[in-house]
């Protein structure tokens, strides 16, 4: 079965455990997800079954929105509650969020990759090296912060913010940067992903809710791929495309395009170049 599911991941469960639970609920082995959430984090996880797992790359590439709580005065080895406290300091009494903070955050173009991350350094996962006590110079990653808003002022050394960020932005690193701008250290104590592109966590269900009624929780491919341009093929074109054959067209060149039949069935992904529609990814058996 080819299907998408929007899961609201609960705290304490890893993304892998969510997939394991879905395999038992749906009776399907081939399941994947886009955008790993750390065990302490909650929020939107887009999951796919069957051949739709090949489409997760398009969801993964989209901007994401997070809400994060930062504890000032403490820095952990992982940047979150799962690590050991490696530095402590008392924030300045009466510390407030400066009005210029938003402009500084929006101007960011890069952030360091946390040592506890899945990025490979010399062929090994960074978190594996960190757990062995091996210190390495972590590279920086290009980022874009599209929107930033402080949701609560500092109370009991904590504050909450919301940020819309580009793919690959580590919120743990962003929280540490913000704490540094406030003249102290900090760590992310709560993290929730509230949106991926225009898909909100409000549309998602918990694993238990999915288990109670799996069939009603299926999300159309068109919903996940709504950010891509699309094309509709007639019956003859649909047959040719489904066999991986190229089609002539007068449409302009397009890198990635979602392809549908006249009946609205999702057929796959194509590119258009030099007057030719070329299948890049063909979904078989999408009639189930």
Protein backbone atom coordinates (compact mmCIF):
# COMPACT_ATOMS: atom_id res chain seq x y z
CA UNK A 1 0.00 0.00 0.00
CA UNK A 2 1.22 3.49 -0.88
CA UNK A 3 0.13 6.07 1.68
CA UNK A 4 1.16 9.11 3.71
CA UNK A 5 0.42 9.61 7.40
CA UNK A 6 0.88 12.71 9.54
CA UNK A 7 2.01 11.72 13.02
CA UNK A 8 2.15 13.95 16.10
CA UNK A 9 5.14 12.36 17.84
CA UNK A 10 5.03 12.31 21.61
CA UNK A 11 7.94 13.08 23.92
CA UNK A 12 10.10 10.15 24.98
CA UNK A 13 9.65 8.20 21.76
CA UNK A 14 12.29 8.17 19.05
CA UNK A 15 11.36 8.57 15.39
CA UNK A 16 12.50 4.97 14.87
CA UNK A 17 10.08 3.75 17.55
CA UNK A 18 7.26 5.56 15.76
CA UNK A 19 8.10 3.66 12.57
CA UNK A 20 8.29 0.38 14.49
CA UNK A 21 4.84 1.02 15.95
CA UNK A 22 3.40 1.85 12.52
CA UNK A 23 4.77 -1.39 11.09
CA UNK A 24 2.82 -3.33 13.71
CA UNK A 25 -0.35 -1.28 13.29
CA UNK A 26 -0.41 -1.30 9.49
CA UNK A 27 1.19 -4.68 8.88
CA UNK A 28 3.58 -3.06 6.40
CA UNK A 29 7.35 -3.42 6.50
CA UNK A 30 8.37 -0.63 4.13
CA UNK A 31 7.76 2.58 6.09
CA UNK A 32 9.88 5.72 6.35
CA UNK A 33 9.70 9.25 7.70
CA UNK A 34 11.00 12.70 6.84
CA UNK A 35 12.95 14.80 9.31
CA UNK A 36 14.04 12.93 12.43
CA UNK A 37 12.84 14.32 15.76
CA UNK A 38 14.95 13.73 18.87
CA UNK A 39 13.28 11.63 21.60
CA UNK A 40 12.63 14.68 23.83
CA UNK A 41 10.99 16.57 20.94
CA UNK A 42 7.37 16.38 19.87
CA UNK A 43 5.38 17.33 16.82
CA UNK A 44 4.91 16.69 13.13
CA UNK A 45 6.47 13.64 11.52
CA UNK A 46 5.50 12.84 7.94
CA UNK A 47 5.52 9.08 7.42
CA UNK A 48 5.09 7.12 4.21
CA UNK A 49 4.50 3.48 3.25
CA UNK A 50 5.37 1.46 0.18
CA UNK A 51 6.63 3.33 -2.84
CA UNK A 52 5.67 6.65 -1.30
CA UNK A 53 8.80 6.38 0.85
CA UNK A 54 10.62 7.51 -2.31
CA UNK A 55 8.73 10.81 -2.10
CA UNK A 56 9.84 11.70 1.42
CA UNK A 57 12.81 13.61 0.02
CA UNK A 58 10.40 16.26 -1.25
CA UNK A 59 8.89 16.77 2.19
CA UNK A 60 12.32 16.70 3.86
CA UNK A 61 13.54 19.58 1.69
CA UNK A 62 10.80 21.93 2.88
CA UNK A 63 11.03 24.71 5.49
CA UNK A 64 9.94 23.77 8.99
CA UNK A 65 8.45 25.64 11.95
CA UNK A 66 9.46 24.92 15.54
CA UNK A 67 8.55 26.16 18.98
CA UNK A 68 11.38 25.86 21.48
CA UNK A 69 11.87 26.54 25.17
CA UNK A 70 15.32 27.66 26.22
CA UNK A 71 16.80 27.36 29.70
CA UNK A 72 19.44 30.04 30.26
CA UNK A 73 22.49 29.52 32.44
CA UNK A 74 23.00 25.85 31.59
CA UNK A 75 24.72 24.19 28.68
CA UNK A 76 24.49 20.47 28.03
CA UNK A 77 26.74 18.21 25.96
CA UNK A 78 23.89 17.58 23.53
CA UNK A 79 22.20 20.97 23.67
CA UNK A 80 19.09 19.40 25.18
CA UNK A 81 17.92 17.56 28.34
CA UNK A 82 19.38 14.25 27.18
CA UNK A 83 22.99 15.33 27.71
CA UNK A 84 25.22 16.09 30.66
CA UNK A 85 25.48 19.63 32.00
CA UNK A 86 28.91 20.88 30.93
CA UNK A 87 28.64 24.55 31.93
CA UNK A 88 26.60 26.57 34.39
CA UNK A 89 26.37 30.28 35.04
CA UNK A 90 23.85 32.66 36.53
CA UNK A 91 22.17 34.89 33.95
CA UNK A 92 22.20 38.58 34.74
CA UNK A 93 19.40 39.51 37.13
CA UNK A 94 16.48 41.03 35.26
CA UNK A 95 17.76 39.88 31.88
CA UNK A 96 15.34 40.71 29.05
CA UNK A 97 15.10 39.83 25.39
CA UNK A 98 16.49 42.81 23.42
CA UNK A 99 14.42 44.22 20.57
CA UNK A 100 17.34 43.72 18.16
CA UNK A 101 17.41 39.93 18.69
CA UNK A 102 14.95 39.20 15.88
CA UNK A 103 17.03 41.11 13.34
CA UNK A 104 20.19 39.27 14.41
CA UNK A 105 18.51 35.88 14.15
CA UNK A 106 17.00 36.63 10.74
CA UNK A 107 20.43 37.74 9.51
CA UNK A 108 22.02 34.37 10.31
CA UNK A 109 23.47 32.54 7.34
CA UNK A 110 25.20 29.65 9.12
CA UNK A 111 25.21 27.75 12.39
CA UNK A 112 27.54 25.07 13.78
CA UNK A 113 26.40 21.47 13.54
CA UNK A 114 26.02 19.98 17.06
CA UNK A 115 28.57 17.33 18.00
CA UNK A 116 25.64 15.06 18.89
CA UNK A 117 24.18 14.78 15.39
CA UNK A 118 23.97 12.20 12.62
CA UNK A 119 26.35 14.10 10.36
CA UNK A 120 29.31 11.98 9.26
CA UNK A 121 32.82 13.14 10.17
CA UNK A 122 35.56 11.09 8.54
CA UNK A 123 33.03 8.40 7.71
CA UNK A 124 31.64 8.13 11.25
CA UNK A 125 28.53 9.62 12.83
CA UNK A 126 29.32 12.68 14.90
CA UNK A 127 27.27 11.41 17.84
CA UNK A 128 29.28 8.16 17.83
CA UNK A 129 32.55 10.10 18.09
CA UNK A 130 31.10 12.33 20.82
CA UNK A 131 30.02 9.32 22.88
CA UNK A 132 33.58 7.98 22.64
CA UNK A 133 34.89 11.29 23.95
CA UNK A 134 36.57 12.08 20.64
CA UNK A 135 36.58 15.82 20.04
CA UNK A 136 36.37 17.01 16.45
CA UNK A 137 36.00 20.38 14.80
CA UNK A 138 32.36 20.42 13.76
CA UNK A 139 31.59 22.10 10.45
CA UNK A 140 29.05 24.88 10.07
CA UNK A 141 25.95 24.55 7.93
CA UNK A 142 24.32 27.17 5.77
CA UNK A 143 20.92 28.09 7.19
CA UNK A 144 18.10 30.54 6.66
CA UNK A 145 15.80 31.71 9.42
CA UNK A 146 12.72 32.92 7.57
CA UNK A 147 10.73 34.05 10.60
CA UNK A 148 11.39 34.43 14.31
CA UNK A 149 9.17 35.40 17.22
CA UNK A 150 9.69 35.38 20.97
CA UNK A 151 6.52 33.89 22.45
CA UNK A 152 7.27 34.53 26.12
CA UNK A 153 9.65 36.75 28.03
CA UNK A 154 12.26 35.34 30.39
CA UNK A 155 10.69 33.77 33.47
CA UNK A 156 12.59 31.47 35.83
CA UNK A 157 15.52 31.64 33.40
CA UNK A 158 13.37 30.28 30.57
CA UNK A 159 11.75 31.72 27.47
CA UNK A 160 9.97 30.35 24.41
CA UNK A 161 10.40 31.25 20.76
CA UNK A 162 9.03 30.19 17.37
CA UNK A 163 11.19 29.96 14.25
CA UNK A 164 10.60 29.06 10.62
CA UNK A 165 13.84 27.60 9.31
CA UNK A 166 15.38 26.02 6.25
CA UNK A 167 16.16 22.34 5.86
CA UNK A 168 18.96 21.09 8.09
CA UNK A 169 18.77 23.85 10.70
CA UNK A 170 19.50 22.52 14.18
CA UNK A 171 17.27 24.28 16.70
CA UNK A 172 19.64 23.23 19.48
CA UNK A 173 22.37 25.27 17.78
CA UNK A 174 20.01 28.20 17.26
CA UNK A 175 19.07 28.19 20.97
CA UNK A 176 22.74 28.23 21.96
CA UNK A 177 23.38 31.12 19.58
CA UNK A 178 20.50 33.10 21.09
CA UNK A 179 21.75 32.41 24.61
CA UNK A 180 25.17 33.69 23.56
CA UNK A 181 23.58 36.89 22.24
CA UNK A 182 22.04 37.31 25.69
CA UNK A 183 25.46 37.01 27.30
CA UNK A 184 25.08 33.55 28.76
CA UNK A 185 24.78 29.87 27.83
CA UNK A 186 21.60 27.94 27.23
CA UNK A 187 19.99 24.69 26.17
CA UNK A 188 16.77 23.65 24.49
CA UNK A 189 14.54 22.02 27.09
CA UNK A 190 11.38 21.60 25.03
CA UNK A 191 11.00 21.39 21.26
CA UNK A 192 7.92 20.98 19.09
CA UNK A 193 7.74 20.90 15.30
CA UNK A 194 4.50 22.61 14.41
CA UNK A 195 4.68 22.63 10.61
CA UNK A 196 6.47 21.37 7.51
CA UNK A 197 5.82 23.71 4.57
CA UNK A 198 2.07 24.42 4.80
CA UNK A 199 1.24 21.19 6.64
CA UNK A 200 0.39 21.82 10.29
CA UNK A 201 0.73 19.48 13.24
CA UNK A 202 -2.94 20.26 13.88
CA UNK A 203 -3.68 17.91 10.96
CA UNK A 204 -1.67 15.08 12.53
CA UNK A 205 -2.70 12.24 14.83
CA UNK A 206 -0.90 10.34 17.55
CA UNK A 207 0.25 6.77 17.02
CA UNK A 208 -2.60 5.59 19.25
CA UNK A 209 -5.18 7.54 17.26
CA UNK A 210 -3.84 5.94 14.09
CA UNK A 211 -4.08 2.50 15.68
CA UNK A 212 -7.74 3.14 16.54
CA UNK A 213 -8.69 3.94 12.94
CA UNK A 214 -5.86 3.57 10.40
CA UNK A 215 -7.91 3.97 7.22
CA UNK A 216 -9.26 7.44 8.03
CA UNK A 217 -5.78 8.85 8.70
CA UNK A 218 -4.39 8.47 5.17
CA UNK A 219 -3.18 11.72 3.53
CA UNK A 220 -3.22 12.16 -0.26
CA UNK A 221 0.10 12.49 -2.07
CA UNK A 222 -1.19 15.77 -3.54
CA UNK A 223 -1.29 17.23 -0.03
CA UNK A 224 2.34 16.37 0.61
CA UNK A 225 3.49 17.54 -2.82
CA UNK A 226 1.35 20.68 -3.01
CA UNK A 227 4.48 22.85 -3.26
CA UNK A 228 5.42 21.24 -6.59
CA UNK A 229 3.98 22.30 -9.94
CA UNK A 230 1.69 19.60 -11.36
CA UNK A 231 0.46 18.27 -14.68
CA UNK A 232 -2.55 16.13 -15.60
CA UNK A 233 -2.25 13.47 -18.32
CA UNK A 234 -4.96 11.97 -20.50
CA UNK A 235 -5.55 8.22 -20.68
CA UNK A 236 -3.05 7.55 -23.46
CA UNK A 237 -0.37 9.71 -21.84
CA UNK A 238 -0.99 8.04 -18.48
CA UNK A 239 -0.34 4.61 -19.98
CA UNK A 240 2.91 5.78 -21.56
CA UNK A 241 4.13 7.58 -18.46
CA UNK A 242 3.34 4.58 -16.24
CA UNK A 243 5.67 2.52 -18.43
CA UNK A 244 8.45 5.05 -18.00
CA UNK A 245 8.09 6.47 -21.49
CA UNK A 246 8.81 10.10 -22.36
CA UNK A 247 6.10 12.41 -23.69
CA UNK A 248 6.24 15.48 -25.94
CA UNK A 249 4.98 18.76 -24.49
CA UNK A 250 4.89 22.47 -25.13
CA UNK A 251 5.27 23.30 -21.45
CA UNK A 252 8.28 25.20 -20.12
CA UNK A 253 11.25 23.45 -18.54
CA UNK A 254 10.58 22.33 -14.97
CA UNK A 255 12.94 20.48 -12.62
CA UNK A 256 10.36 18.56 -10.52
CA UNK A 257 6.69 18.19 -11.34
CA UNK A 258 3.99 16.03 -9.76
CA UNK A 259 2.12 14.00 -12.38
CA UNK A 260 -1.53 12.94 -12.12
CA UNK A 261 -4.01 11.11 -14.33
CA UNK A 262 -7.23 12.76 -15.49
CA UNK A 263 -8.95 10.81 -12.70
CA UNK A 264 -6.71 12.45 -10.12
CA UNK A 265 -4.48 9.43 -9.44
CA UNK A 266 -0.89 10.25 -8.54
CA UNK A 267 1.49 8.77 -11.12
CA UNK A 268 4.91 10.04 -10.10
CA UNK A 269 7.48 12.78 -10.57
CA UNK A 270 8.73 14.10 -13.89
CA UNK A 271 10.97 16.80 -15.27
CA UNK A 272 10.41 18.83 -18.40
CA UNK A 273 13.32 19.81 -20.61
CA UNK A 274 13.52 20.70 -24.31
CA UNK A 275 9.86 19.93 -24.93
CA UNK A 276 9.94 16.47 -23.36
CA UNK A 277 8.28 15.13 -20.19
CA UNK A 278 10.72 12.62 -18.70
CA UNK A 279 9.59 10.32 -15.85
CA UNK A 280 11.94 10.57 -12.87
CA UNK A 281 9.95 8.49 -10.42
CA UNK A 282 7.01 6.30 -11.41
CA UNK A 283 4.60 5.00 -8.78
CA UNK A 284 3.14 1.58 -9.58
CA UNK A 285 -0.06 0.24 -8.15
CA UNK A 286 -1.39 3.56 -6.84
CA UNK A 287 -4.90 2.27 -7.43
CA UNK A 288 -4.91 0.35 -4.13
